[in-house]
Amino acid sequence: MRQLLGIEAARLAALPSGSDLILANHSVHTLLANSCALEQMTGIGFLASSERLLRAAPIPAWPDLILYLDLPQEVAQERNNGKFPDGSIYVDVGFNAGIRDYFLRLAERNHPASGG
């Protein structure tokens, strides 16, 4: 996670100063989603420790708005075209389900269903 934070810092450092709007294809939530997926696959508590590390780090920018675009696993497999080799975690059904679970839980936490 510390290495990924270094990458995130470099990405943010490359932005023009005083930017009012930043569109990014990855954020700290991507890092947390990866931790969530790994935790679900291995049973090792990656998510809580990753959240603590990110919240304590001066580097990450926390987005005000998150758009999560989801593809069915079959479509992701079809579109892969060799980008990721067979057996890669990025085309793994369980890993992708963990990513999806993270963003669904995030959406529920930020917009709980009304109890009406």
PDB file of N, CA and C in Angstrom:
ATOM      1  N   MET A   1       0.825  -1.185   0.000  1.00  0.00           N
ATOM      2  CA  MET A   1       0.000   0.000   0.000  1.00  0.00           C
ATOM      3  C   MET A   1       0.871   1.252   0.000  1.00  0.00           C
ATOM      4  N   ARG A   2       1.985   1.196   0.714  1.00  0.00           N
ATOM      5  CA  ARG A   2       2.869   2.375   0.740  1.00  0.00           C
ATOM      6  C   ARG A   2       3.415   2.688  -0.655  1.00  0.00           C
ATOM      7  N   GLN A   3       3.730   1.662  -1.430  1.00  0.00           N
ATOM      8  CA  GLN A   3       4.206   1.898  -2.795  1.00  0.00           C
ATOM      9  C   GLN A   3       3.090   2.506  -3.649  1.00  0.00           C
ATOM     10  N   LEU A   4       1.870   2.018  -3.468  1.00  0.00           N
ATOM     11  CA  LEU A   4       0.753   2.576  -4.224  1.00  0.00           C
ATOM     12  C   LEU A   4       0.481   4.026  -3.824  1.00  0.00           C
ATOM     13  N   LEU A   5       0.704   4.342  -2.556  1.00  0.00           N
ATOM     14  CA  LEU A   5       0.569   5.736  -2.122  1.00  0.00           C
ATOM     15  C   LEU A   5       1.591   6.630  -2.811  1.00  0.00           C
ATOM     16  N   GLY A   6       2.788   6.110  -3.032  1.00  0.00           N
ATOM     17  CA  GLY A   6       3.805   6.871  -3.762  1.00  0.00           C
ATOM     18  C   GLY A   6       3.369   7.161  -5.186  1.00  0.00           C
ATOM     19  N   ILE A   7       2.741   6.194  -5.818  1.00  0.00           N
ATOM     20  CA  ILE A   7       2.216   6.390  -7.179  1.00  0.00           C
ATOM     21  C   ILE A   7       1.105   7.439  -7.153  1.00  0.00           C
ATOM     22  N   GLU A   8       0.226   7.337  -6.169  1.00  0.00           N
ATOM     23  CA  GLU A   8      -0.865   8.312  -6.036  1.00  0.00           C
ATOM     24  C   GLU A   8      -0.313   9.715  -5.819  1.00  0.00           C
ATOM     25  N   ALA A   9       0.727   9.840  -5.006  1.00  0.00           N
ATOM     26  CA  ALA A   9       1.336  11.146  -4.763  1.00  0.00           C
ATOM     27  C   ALA A   9       1.909  11.724  -6.047  1.00  0.00           C
ATOM     28  N   ALA A  10       2.550  10.889  -6.848  1.00  0.00           N
ATOM     29  CA  ALA A  10       3.122  11.363  -8.116  1.00  0.00           C
ATOM     30  C   ALA A  10       2.021  11.798  -9.076  1.00  0.00           C
ATOM     31  N   ARG A  11       0.925  11.059  -9.097  1.00  0.00           N
ATOM     32  CA  ARG A  11      -0.204  11.437  -9.967  1.00  0.00           C
ATOM     33  C   ARG A  11      -0.755  12.800  -9.573  1.00  0.00           C
ATOM     34  N   LEU A  12      -0.934  13.004  -8.259  1.00  0.00           N
ATOM     35  CA  LEU A  12      -1.500  14.264  -7.792  1.00  0.00           C
ATOM     36  C   LEU A  12      -0.517  15.414  -7.943  1.00  0.00           C
ATOM     37  N   ALA A  13       0.772  15.141  -7.816  1.00  0.00           N
ATOM     38  CA  ALA A  13       1.779  16.186  -7.967  1.00  0.00           C
ATOM     39  C   ALA A  13       1.851  16.700  -9.401  1.00  0.00           C
ATOM     40  N   ALA A  14       1.452  15.880 -10.353  1.00  0.00           N
ATOM     41  CA  ALA A  14       1.507  16.268 -11.760  1.00  0.00           C
ATOM     42  C   ALA A  14       0.344  17.174 -12.168  1.00  0.00           C
ATOM     43  N   LEU A  15      -0.618  17.360 -11.286  1.00  0.00           N
ATOM     44  CA  LEU A  15      -1.776  18.199 -11.616  1.00  0.00           C
ATOM     45  C   LEU A  15      -1.405  19.670 -11.555  1.00  0.00           C
ATOM     46  N   PRO A  16      -2.034  20.464 -12.397  1.00  0.00           N
ATOM     47  CA  PRO A  16      -1.807  21.913 -12.306  1.00  0.00           C
ATOM     48  C   PRO A  16      -2.301  22.427 -10.949  1.00  0.00           C
ATOM     49  N   SER A  17      -1.579  23.367 -10.378  1.00  0.00           N
ATOM     50  CA  SER A  17      -1.992  23.897  -9.081  1.00  0.00           C
ATOM     51  C   SER A  17      -3.287  24.700  -9.244  1.00  0.00           C
ATOM     52  N   GLY A  18      -4.094  24.656  -8.211  1.00  0.00           N
ATOM     53  CA  GLY A  18      -5.341  25.416  -8.218  1.00  0.00           C
ATOM     54  C   GLY A  18      -6.448  24.803  -9.048  1.00  0.00           C
ATOM     55  N   SER A  19      -6.344  23.529  -9.374  1.00  0.00           N
ATOM     56  CA  SER A  19      -7.393  22.873 -10.159  1.00  0.00           C
ATOM     57  C   SER A  19      -8.678  22.800  -9.354  1.00  0.00           C
ATOM     58  N   ASP A  20      -9.775  23.256  -9.965  1.00  0.00           N
ATOM     59  CA  ASP A  20     -11.078  23.183  -9.309  1.00  0.00           C
ATOM     60  C   ASP A  20     -11.749  21.831  -9.519  1.00  0.00           C
ATOM     61  N   LEU A  21     -11.404  21.181 -10.618  1.00  0.00           N
ATOM     62  CA  LEU A  21     -12.028  19.907 -10.954  1.00  0.00           C
ATOM     63  C   LEU A  21     -10.952  18.938 -11.421  1.00  0.00           C
ATOM     64  N   ILE A  22     -10.947  17.771 -10.847  1.00  0.00           N
ATOM     65  CA  ILE A  22     -10.002  16.728 -11.229  1.00  0.00           C
ATOM     66  C   ILE A  22     -10.806  15.493 -11.580  1.00  0.00           C
ATOM     67  N   LEU A  23     -10.613  14.972 -12.775  1.00  0.00           N
ATOM     68  CA  LEU A  23     -11.226  13.714 -13.178  1.00  0.00           C
ATOM     69  C   LEU A  23     -10.137  12.661 -13.186  1.00  0.00           C
ATOM     70  N   ALA A  24     -10.342  11.608 -12.430  1.00  0.00           N
ATOM     71  CA  ALA A  24      -9.322  10.562 -12.319  1.00  0.00           C
ATOM     72  C   ALA A  24      -9.973   9.205 -12.502  1.00  0.00           C
ATOM     73  N   ASN A  25      -9.271   8.320 -13.177  1.00  0.00           N
ATOM     74  CA  ASN A  25      -9.816   6.981 -13.368  1.00  0.00           C
ATOM     75  C   ASN A  25      -9.538   6.074 -12.178  1.00  0.00           C
ATOM     76  N   HIS A  26      -8.719   6.520 -11.239  1.00  0.00           N
ATOM     77  CA  HIS A  26      -8.426   5.771 -10.017  1.00  0.00           C
ATOM     78  C   HIS A  26      -8.371   6.772  -8.866  1.00  0.00           C
ATOM     79  N   SER A  27      -8.639   6.295  -7.668  1.00  0.00           N
ATOM     80  CA  SER A  27      -8.548   7.152  -6.481  1.00  0.00           C
ATOM     81  C   SER A  27      -8.167   6.287  -5.297  1.00  0.00           C
ATOM     82  N   VAL A  28      -8.159   6.901  -4.128  1.00  0.00           N
ATOM     83  CA  VAL A  28      -7.888   6.124  -2.923  1.00  0.00           C
ATOM     84  C   VAL A  28      -8.942   5.032  -2.752  1.00  0.00           C
ATOM     85  N   HIS A  29     -10.124   5.253  -3.282  1.00  0.00           N
ATOM     86  CA  HIS A  29     -11.159   4.218  -3.185  1.00  0.00           C
ATOM     87  C   HIS A  29     -10.809   2.999  -4.038  1.00  0.00           C
ATOM     88  N   THR A  30     -10.083   3.201  -5.111  1.00  0.00           N
ATOM     89  CA  THR A  30      -9.608   2.069  -5.905  1.00  0.00           C
ATOM     90  C   THR A  30      -8.647   1.225  -5.072  1.00  0.00           C
ATOM     91  N   LEU A  31      -7.768   1.896  -4.327  1.00  0.00           N
ATOM     92  CA  LEU A  31      -6.835   1.182  -3.457  1.00  0.00           C
ATOM     93  C   LEU A  31      -7.594   0.406  -2.388  1.00  0.00           C
ATOM     94  N   LEU A  32      -8.595   1.044  -1.811  1.00  0.00           N
ATOM     95  CA  LEU A  32      -9.381   0.372  -0.772  1.00  0.00           C
ATOM     96  C   LEU A  32     -10.204  -0.779  -1.349  1.00  0.00           C
ATOM     97  N   ALA A  33     -10.718  -0.611  -2.548  1.00  0.00           N
ATOM     98  CA  ALA A  33     -11.484  -1.684  -3.191  1.00  0.00           C
ATOM     99  C   ALA A  33     -10.589  -2.895  -3.445  1.00  0.00           C
ATOM    100  N   ASN A  34      -9.356  -2.647  -3.842  1.00  0.00           N
ATOM    101  CA  ASN A  34      -8.408  -3.744  -4.026  1.00  0.00           C
ATOM    102  C   ASN A  34      -8.140  -4.453  -2.707  1.00  0.00           C
ATOM    103  N   SER A  35      -8.001  -3.683  -1.631  1.00  0.00           N
ATOM    104  CA  SER A  35      -7.783  -4.277  -0.311  1.00  0.00           C
ATOM    105  C   SER A  35      -8.989  -5.108   0.115  1.00  0.00           C
ATOM    106  N   CYS A  36     -10.172  -4.609  -0.164  1.00  0.00           N
ATOM    107  CA  CYS A  36     -11.403  -5.331   0.161  1.00  0.00           C
ATOM    108  C   CYS A  36     -11.460  -6.656  -0.599  1.00  0.00           C
ATOM    109  N   ALA A  37     -11.152  -6.612  -1.875  1.00  0.00           N
ATOM    110  CA  ALA A  37     -11.185  -7.820  -2.703  1.00  0.00           C
ATOM    111  C   ALA A  37     -10.160  -8.843  -2.219  1.00  0.00           C
ATOM    112  N   LEU A  38      -8.962  -8.382  -1.906  1.00  0.00           N
ATOM    113  CA  LEU A  38      -7.935  -9.293  -1.399  1.00  0.00           C
ATOM    114  C   LEU A  38      -8.342  -9.897  -0.058  1.00  0.00           C
ATOM    115  N   GLU A  39      -8.979  -9.089   0.782  1.00  0.00           N
ATOM    116  CA  GLU A  39      -9.446  -9.587   2.070  1.00  0.00           C
ATOM    117  C   GLU A  39     -10.497 -10.678   1.874  1.00  0.00           C
ATOM    118  N   GLN A  40     -11.424 -10.453   0.952  1.00  0.00           N
ATOM    119  CA  GLN A  40     -12.461 -11.455   0.707  1.00  0.00           C
ATOM    120  C   GLN A  40     -11.870 -12.744   0.149  1.00  0.00           C
ATOM    121  N   MET A  41     -10.839 -12.622  -0.652  1.00  0.00           N
ATOM    122  CA  MET A  41     -10.231 -13.805  -1.264  1.00  0.00           C
ATOM    123  C   MET A  41      -9.355 -14.588  -0.290  1.00  0.00           C
ATOM    124  N   THR A  42      -8.690 -13.878   0.630  1.00  0.00           N
ATOM    125  CA  THR A  42      -7.695 -14.529   1.482  1.00  0.00           C
ATOM    126  C   THR A  42      -8.114 -14.680   2.942  1.00  0.00           C
ATOM    127  N   GLY A  43      -9.068 -13.856   3.366  1.00  0.00           N
ATOM    128  CA  GLY A  43      -9.444 -13.863   4.773  1.00  0.00           C
ATOM    129  C   GLY A  43      -8.520 -13.040   5.650  1.00  0.00           C
ATOM    130  N   ILE A  44      -7.521 -12.396   5.065  1.00  0.00           N
ATOM    131  CA  ILE A  44      -6.576 -11.549   5.806  1.00  0.00           C
ATOM    132  C   ILE A  44      -7.150 -10.135   5.852  1.00  0.00           C
ATOM    133  N   GLY A  45      -7.109  -9.483   7.003  1.00  0.00           N
ATOM    134  CA  GLY A  45      -7.734  -8.180   7.213  1.00  0.00           C
ATOM    135  C   GLY A  45      -7.033  -7.014   6.552  1.00  0.00           C
ATOM    136  N   PHE A  46      -7.021  -6.987   5.246  1.00  0.00           N
ATOM    137  CA  PHE A  46      -6.347  -5.905   4.521  1.00  0.00           C
ATOM    138  C   PHE A  46      -7.097  -4.573   4.591  1.00  0.00           C
ATOM    139  N   LEU A  47      -8.415  -4.613   4.552  1.00  0.00           N
ATOM    140  CA  LEU A  47      -9.191  -3.383   4.387  1.00  0.00           C
ATOM    141  C   LEU A  47      -9.019  -2.419   5.555  1.00  0.00           C
ATOM    142  N   ALA A  48      -9.191  -2.878   6.775  1.00  0.00           N
ATOM    143  CA  ALA A  48      -9.092  -1.981   7.936  1.00  0.00           C
ATOM    144  C   ALA A  48      -7.699  -1.355   8.038  1.00  0.00           C
ATOM    145  N   SER A  49      -6.669  -2.144   7.809  1.00  0.00           N
ATOM    146  CA  SER A  49      -5.317  -1.577   7.891  1.00  0.00           C
ATOM    147  C   SER A  49      -5.054  -0.606   6.753  1.00  0.00           C
ATOM    148  N   SER A  50      -5.590  -0.878   5.579  1.00  0.00           N
ATOM    149  CA  SER A  50      -5.437   0.045   4.453  1.00  0.00           C
ATOM    150  C   SER A  50      -6.177   1.357   4.715  1.00  0.00           C
ATOM    151  N   GLU A  51      -7.370   1.258   5.286  1.00  0.00           N
ATOM    152  CA  GLU A  51      -8.128   2.473   5.619  1.00  0.00           C
ATOM    153  C   GLU A  51      -7.358   3.327   6.626  1.00  0.00           C
ATOM    154  N   ARG A  52      -6.798   2.695   7.655  1.00  0.00           N
ATOM    155  CA  ARG A  52      -6.008   3.451   8.657  1.00  0.00           C
ATOM    156  C   ARG A  52      -4.818   4.135   7.994  1.00  0.00           C
ATOM    157  N   LEU A  53      -4.111   3.412   7.167  1.00  0.00           N
ATOM    158  CA  LEU A  53      -2.932   3.962   6.501  1.00  0.00           C
ATOM    159  C   LEU A  53      -3.313   5.151   5.612  1.00  0.00           C
ATOM    160  N   LEU A  54      -4.368   4.996   4.823  1.00  0.00           N
ATOM    161  CA  LEU A  54      -4.768   6.070   3.911  1.00  0.00           C
ATOM    162  C   LEU A  54      -5.278   7.297   4.650  1.00  0.00           C
ATOM    163  N   ARG A  55      -6.013   7.081   5.721  1.00  0.00           N
ATOM    164  CA  ARG A  55      -6.552   8.227   6.471  1.00  0.00           C
ATOM    165  C   ARG A  55      -5.444   8.993   7.191  1.00  0.00           C
ATOM    166  N   ALA A  56      -4.365   8.306   7.542  1.00  0.00           N
ATOM    167  CA  ALA A  56      -3.248   8.951   8.231  1.00  0.00           C
ATOM    168  C   ALA A  56      -2.251   9.581   7.261  1.00  0.00           C
ATOM    169  N   ALA A  57      -2.272   9.166   6.005  1.00  0.00           N
ATOM    170  CA  ALA A  57      -1.295   9.646   5.028  1.00  0.00           C
ATOM    171  C   ALA A  57      -1.677  11.039   4.534  1.00  0.00           C
ATOM    172  N   PRO A  58      -0.695  11.921   4.397  1.00  0.00           N
ATOM    173  CA  PRO A  58      -0.994  13.263   3.898  1.00  0.00           C
ATOM    174  C   PRO A  58      -1.177  13.300   2.385  1.00  0.00           C
ATOM    175  N   ILE A  59      -0.936  12.198   1.711  1.00  0.00           N
ATOM    176  CA  ILE A  59      -0.893  12.172   0.251  1.00  0.00           C
ATOM    177  C   ILE A  59      -2.263  12.123  -0.436  1.00  0.00           C
ATOM    178  N   PRO A  60      -3.128  11.191  -0.071  1.00  0.00           N
ATOM    179  CA  PRO A  60      -4.303  10.969  -0.916  1.00  0.00           C
ATOM    180  C   PRO A  60      -5.283  12.127  -0.945  1.00  0.00           C
ATOM    181  N   ALA A  61      -5.879  12.289  -2.090  1.00  0.00           N
ATOM    182  CA  ALA A  61      -7.002  13.206  -2.246  1.00  0.00           C
ATOM    183  C   ALA A  61      -8.261  12.356  -2.191  1.00  0.00           C
ATOM    184  N   TRP A  62      -9.176  12.715  -1.331  1.00  0.00           N
ATOM    185  CA  TRP A  62     -10.429  11.966  -1.208  1.00  0.00           C
ATOM    186  C   TRP A  62     -11.462  12.620  -2.117  1.00  0.00           C
ATOM    187  N   PRO A  63     -11.990  11.890  -3.069  1.00  0.00           N
ATOM    188  CA  PRO A  63     -12.932  12.484  -4.024  1.00  0.00           C
ATOM    189  C   PRO A  63     -14.254  12.859  -3.375  1.00  0.00           C
ATOM    190  N   ASP A  64     -14.848  13.926  -3.897  1.00  0.00           N
ATOM    191  CA  ASP A  64     -16.170  14.351  -3.442  1.00  0.00           C
ATOM    192  C   ASP A  64     -17.274  13.573  -4.152  1.00  0.00           C
ATOM    193  N   LEU A  65     -16.976  13.088  -5.333  1.00  0.00           N
ATOM    194  CA  LEU A  65     -17.949  12.354  -6.130  1.00  0.00           C
ATOM    195  C   LEU A  65     -17.265  11.127  -6.718  1.00  0.00           C
ATOM    196  N   ILE A  66     -17.932   9.996  -6.634  1.00  0.00           N
ATOM    197  CA  ILE A  66     -17.381   8.755  -7.170  1.00  0.00           C
ATOM    198  C   ILE A  66     -18.372   8.185  -8.171  1.00  0.00           C
ATOM    199  N   LEU A  67     -17.887   7.889  -9.352  1.00  0.00           N
ATOM    200  CA  LEU A  67     -18.670   7.175 -10.352  1.00  0.00           C
ATOM    201  C   LEU A  67     -18.033   5.813 -10.525  1.00  0.00           C
ATOM    202  N   TYR A  68     -18.770   4.788 -10.223  1.00  0.00           N
ATOM    203  CA  TYR A  68     -18.259   3.422 -10.361  1.00  0.00           C
ATOM    204  C   TYR A  68     -18.944   2.794 -11.566  1.00  0.00           C
ATOM    205  N   LEU A  69     -18.165   2.461 -12.565  1.00  0.00           N
ATOM    206  CA  LEU A  69     -18.685   1.811 -13.761  1.00  0.00           C
ATOM    207  C   LEU A  69     -18.391   0.326 -13.653  1.00  0.00           C
ATOM    208  N   ASP A  70     -19.421  -0.469 -13.706  1.00  0.00           N
ATOM    209  CA  ASP A  70     -19.289  -1.898 -13.499  1.00  0.00           C
ATOM    210  C   ASP A  70     -19.604  -2.647 -14.785  1.00  0.00           C
ATOM    211  N   LEU A  71     -18.831  -3.667 -15.049  1.00  0.00           N
ATOM    212  CA  LEU A  71     -19.073  -4.550 -16.193  1.00  0.00           C
ATOM    213  C   LEU A  71     -19.379  -5.941 -15.683  1.00  0.00           C
ATOM    214  N   PRO A  72     -20.323  -6.616 -16.303  1.00  0.00           N
ATOM    215  CA  PRO A  72     -20.485  -8.029 -15.957  1.00  0.00           C
ATOM    216  C   PRO A  72     -19.178  -8.770 -16.226  1.00  0.00           C
ATOM    217  N   GLN A  73     -18.898  -9.786 -15.440  1.00  0.00           N
ATOM    218  CA  GLN A  73     -17.649 -10.533 -15.567  1.00  0.00           C
ATOM    219  C   GLN A  73     -17.442 -11.052 -16.982  1.00  0.00           C
ATOM    220  N   GLU A  74     -18.515 -11.502 -17.617  1.00  0.00           N
ATOM    221  CA  GLU A  74     -18.396 -12.043 -18.983  1.00  0.00           C
ATOM    222  C   GLU A  74     -17.904 -10.977 -19.961  1.00  0.00           C
ATOM    223  N   VAL A  75     -18.410  -9.768 -19.805  1.00  0.00           N
ATOM    224  CA  VAL A  75     -18.003  -8.666 -20.692  1.00  0.00           C
ATOM    225  C   VAL A  75     -16.538  -8.305 -20.426  1.00  0.00           C
ATOM    226  N   ALA A  76     -16.146  -8.272 -19.171  1.00  0.00           N
ATOM    227  CA  ALA A  76     -14.747  -7.980 -18.838  1.00  0.00           C
ATOM    228  C   ALA A  76     -13.825  -9.022 -19.462  1.00  0.00           C
ATOM    229  N   GLN A  77     -14.223 -10.289 -19.406  1.00  0.00           N
ATOM    230  CA  GLN A  77     -13.413 -11.360 -20.011  1.00  0.00           C
ATOM    231  C   GLN A  77     -13.318 -11.161 -21.524  1.00  0.00           C
ATOM    232  N   GLU A  78     -14.443 -10.847 -22.164  1.00  0.00           N
ATOM    233  CA  GLU A  78     -14.459 -10.655 -23.616  1.00  0.00           C
ATOM    234  C   GLU A  78     -13.593  -9.475 -24.044  1.00  0.00           C
ATOM    235  N   ARG A  79     -13.602  -8.407 -23.264  1.00  0.00           N
ATOM    236  CA  ARG A  79     -12.859  -7.191 -23.616  1.00  0.00           C
ATOM    237  C   ARG A  79     -11.382  -7.258 -23.248  1.00  0.00           C
ATOM    238  N   ASN A  80     -11.003  -8.259 -22.494  1.00  0.00           N
ATOM    239  CA  ASN A  80      -9.618  -8.359 -22.026  1.00  0.00           C
ATOM    240  C   ASN A  80      -8.638  -8.401 -23.188  1.00  0.00           C
ATOM    241  N   ASN A  81      -8.900  -9.226 -24.190  1.00  0.00           N
ATOM    242  CA  ASN A  81      -8.045  -9.323 -25.384  1.00  0.00           C
ATOM    243  C   ASN A  81      -6.558  -9.411 -25.064  1.00  0.00           C
ATOM    244  N   GLY A  82      -6.212 -10.142 -24.021  1.00  0.00           N
ATOM    245  CA  GLY A  82      -4.804 -10.328 -23.699  1.00  0.00           C
ATOM    246  C   GLY A  82      -4.177  -9.229 -22.875  1.00  0.00           C
ATOM    247  N   LYS A  83      -4.948  -8.193 -22.536  1.00  0.00           N
ATOM    248  CA  LYS A  83      -4.390  -7.120 -21.706  1.00  0.00           C
ATOM    249  C   LYS A  83      -3.840  -7.711 -20.409  1.00  0.00           C
ATOM    250  N   PHE A  84      -4.644  -8.582 -19.789  1.00  0.00           N
ATOM    251  CA  PHE A  84      -4.199  -9.288 -18.601  1.00  0.00           C
ATOM    252  C   PHE A  84      -4.103 -10.761 -18.952  1.00  0.00           C
ATOM    253  N   PRO A  85      -3.023 -11.433 -18.569  1.00  0.00           N
ATOM    254  CA  PRO A  85      -2.866 -12.851 -18.904  1.00  0.00           C
ATOM    255  C   PRO A  85      -3.869 -13.723 -18.156  1.00  0.00           C
ATOM    256  N   ASP A  86      -4.108 -14.902 -18.695  1.00  0.00           N
ATOM    257  CA  ASP A  86      -4.958 -15.865 -17.994  1.00  0.00           C
ATOM    258  C   ASP A  86      -4.408 -16.066 -16.588  1.00  0.00           C
ATOM    259  N   GLY A  87      -5.299 -16.108 -15.631  1.00  0.00           N
ATOM    260  CA  GLY A  87      -4.874 -16.284 -14.251  1.00  0.00           C
ATOM    261  C   GLY A  87      -4.577 -14.977 -13.526  1.00  0.00           C
ATOM    262  N   SER A  88      -4.635 -13.845 -14.226  1.00  0.00           N
ATOM    263  CA  SER A  88      -4.388 -12.559 -13.580  1.00  0.00           C
ATOM    264  C   SER A  88      -5.496 -12.259 -12.582  1.00  0.00           C
ATOM    265  N   ILE A  89      -5.135 -11.642 -11.490  1.00  0.00           N
ATOM    266  CA  ILE A  89      -6.114 -11.283 -10.477  1.00  0.00           C
ATOM    267  C   ILE A  89      -7.158 -10.319 -11.039  1.00  0.00           C
ATOM    268  N   TYR A  90      -6.787  -9.523 -12.026  1.00  0.00           N
ATOM    269  CA  TYR A  90      -7.698  -8.513 -12.569  1.00  0.00           C
ATOM    270  C   TYR A  90      -8.829  -9.096 -13.413  1.00  0.00           C
ATOM    271  N   VAL A  91      -8.735 -10.355 -13.779  1.00  0.00           N
ATOM    272  CA  VAL A  91      -9.840 -11.018 -14.477  1.00  0.00           C
ATOM    273  C   VAL A  91     -10.416 -12.146 -13.622  1.00  0.00           C
ATOM    274  N   ASP A  92     -10.024 -12.187 -12.360  1.00  0.00           N
ATOM    275  CA  ASP A  92     -10.506 -13.203 -11.443  1.00  0.00           C
ATOM    276  C   ASP A  92     -11.924 -12.856 -10.975  1.00  0.00           C
ATOM    277  N   VAL A  93     -12.827 -13.813 -11.054  1.00  0.00           N
ATOM    278  CA  VAL A  93     -14.224 -13.601 -10.678  1.00  0.00           C
ATOM    279  C   VAL A  93     -14.338 -13.139  -9.216  1.00  0.00           C
ATOM    280  N   GLY A  94     -13.637 -13.803  -8.307  1.00  0.00           N
ATOM    281  CA  GLY A  94     -13.701 -13.444  -6.894  1.00  0.00           C
ATOM    282  C   GLY A  94     -13.142 -12.067  -6.605  1.00  0.00           C
ATOM    283  N   PHE A  95     -12.035 -11.724  -7.256  1.00  0.00           N
ATOM    284  CA  PHE A  95     -11.429 -10.403  -7.057  1.00  0.00           C
ATOM    285  C   PHE A  95     -12.379  -9.310  -7.530  1.00  0.00           C
ATOM    286  N   ASN A  96     -12.939  -9.491  -8.718  1.00  0.00           N
ATOM    287  CA  ASN A  96     -13.855  -8.480  -9.258  1.00  0.00           C
ATOM    288  C   ASN A  96     -15.130  -8.373  -8.424  1.00  0.00           C
ATOM    289  N   ALA A  97     -15.586  -9.470  -7.859  1.00  0.00           N
ATOM    290  CA  ALA A  97     -16.744  -9.421  -6.961  1.00  0.00           C
ATOM    291  C   ALA A  97     -16.406  -8.626  -5.707  1.00  0.00           C
ATOM    292  N   GLY A  98     -15.186  -8.751  -5.208  1.00  0.00           N
ATOM    293  CA  GLY A  98     -14.751  -7.983  -4.045  1.00  0.00           C
ATOM    294  C   GLY A  98     -14.682  -6.492  -4.334  1.00  0.00           C
ATOM    295  N   ILE A  99     -14.214  -6.135  -5.515  1.00  0.00           N
ATOM    296  CA  ILE A  99     -14.185  -4.720  -5.936  1.00  0.00           C
ATOM    297  C   ILE A  99     -15.612  -4.175  -5.942  1.00  0.00           C
ATOM    298  N   ARG A 100     -16.495  -4.916  -6.582  1.00  0.00           N
ATOM    299  CA  ARG A 100     -17.907  -4.520  -6.668  1.00  0.00           C
ATOM    300  C   ARG A 100     -18.503  -4.374  -5.267  1.00  0.00           C
ATOM    301  N   ASP A 101     -18.236  -5.326  -4.385  1.00  0.00           N
ATOM    302  CA  ASP A 101     -18.765  -5.268  -3.017  1.00  0.00           C
ATOM    303  C   ASP A 101     -18.313  -3.998  -2.298  1.00  0.00           C
ATOM    304  N   TYR A 102     -17.041  -3.627  -2.476  1.00  0.00           N
ATOM    305  CA  TYR A 102     -16.547  -2.420  -1.815  1.00  0.00           C
ATOM    306  C   TYR A 102     -17.362  -1.201  -2.246  1.00  0.00           C
ATOM    307  N   PHE A 103     -17.549  -1.037  -3.550  1.00  0.00           N
ATOM    308  CA  PHE A 103     -18.251   0.153  -4.038  1.00  0.00           C
ATOM    309  C   PHE A 103     -19.739   0.115  -3.697  1.00  0.00           C
ATOM    310  N   LEU A 104     -20.339  -1.061  -3.654  1.00  0.00           N
ATOM    311  CA  LEU A 104     -21.740  -1.153  -3.242  1.00  0.00           C
ATOM    312  C   LEU A 104     -21.889  -0.767  -1.770  1.00  0.00           C
ATOM    313  N   ARG A 105     -20.973  -1.236  -0.924  1.00  0.00           N
ATOM    314  CA  ARG A 105     -21.013  -0.858   0.492  1.00  0.00           C
ATOM    315  C   ARG A 105     -20.758   0.631   0.679  1.00  0.00           C
ATOM    316  N   LEU A 106     -19.857   1.196  -0.117  1.00  0.00           N
ATOM    317  CA  LEU A 106     -19.583   2.623  -0.047  1.00  0.00           C
ATOM    318  C   LEU A 106     -20.830   3.416  -0.417  1.00  0.00           C
ATOM    319  N   ALA A 107     -21.520   2.997  -1.453  1.00  0.00           N
ATOM    320  CA  ALA A 107     -22.744   3.679  -1.873  1.00  0.00           C
ATOM    321  C   ALA A 107     -23.819   3.583  -0.792  1.00  0.00           C
ATOM    322  N   GLU A 108     -23.957   2.430  -0.177  1.00  0.00           N
ATOM    323  CA  GLU A 108     -24.947   2.255   0.895  1.00  0.00           C
ATOM    324  C   GLU A 108     -24.614   3.118   2.105  1.00  0.00           C
ATOM    325  N   ARG A 109     -23.338   3.229   2.405  1.00  0.00           N
ATOM    326  CA  ARG A 109     -22.910   4.022   3.558  1.00  0.00           C
ATOM    327  C   ARG A 109     -23.168   5.515   3.314  1.00  0.00           C
ATOM    328  N   ASN A 110     -22.966   5.958   2.093  1.00  0.00           N
ATOM    329  CA  ASN A 110     -23.147   7.375   1.782  1.00  0.00           C
ATOM    330  C   ASN A 110     -24.590   7.735   1.467  1.00  0.00           C
ATOM    331  N   HIS A 111     -25.386   6.762   1.054  1.00  0.00           N
ATOM    332  CA  HIS A 111     -26.789   6.999   0.699  1.00  0.00           C
ATOM    333  C   HIS A 111     -27.644   5.847   1.205  1.00  0.00           C
ATOM    334  N   PRO A 112     -27.819   5.745   2.515  1.00  0.00           N
ATOM    335  CA  PRO A 112     -28.600   4.620   3.035  1.00  0.00           C
ATOM    336  C   PRO A 112     -30.034   4.683   2.525  1.00  0.00           C
ATOM    337  N   ALA A 113     -30.591   3.510   2.304  1.00  0.00           N
ATOM    338  CA  ALA A 113     -31.978   3.430   1.829  1.00  0.00           C
ATOM    339  C   ALA A 113     -32.904   4.013   2.893  1.00  0.00           C
ATOM    340  N   SER A 114     -33.924   4.714   2.446  1.00  0.00           N
ATOM    341  CA  SER A 114     -34.877   5.284   3.404  1.00  0.00           C
ATOM    342  C   SER A 114     -35.713   4.167   4.011  1.00  0.00           C
ATOM    343  N   GLY A 115     -36.048   4.311   5.230  1.00  0.00           N
ATOM    344  CA  GLY A 115     -36.796   3.293   5.954  1.00  0.00           C
ATOM    345  C   GLY A 115     -38.292   3.483   5.863  1.00  0.00           C
ATOM    346  N   GLY A 116     -38.799   3.972   4.755  1.00  0.00           N
ATOM    347  CA  GLY A 116     -40.194   4.329   4.666  1.00  0.00           C
ATOM    348  C   GLY A 116     -41.070   3.314   4.164  1.00  0.00           C
TER     349      GLY A 116
END
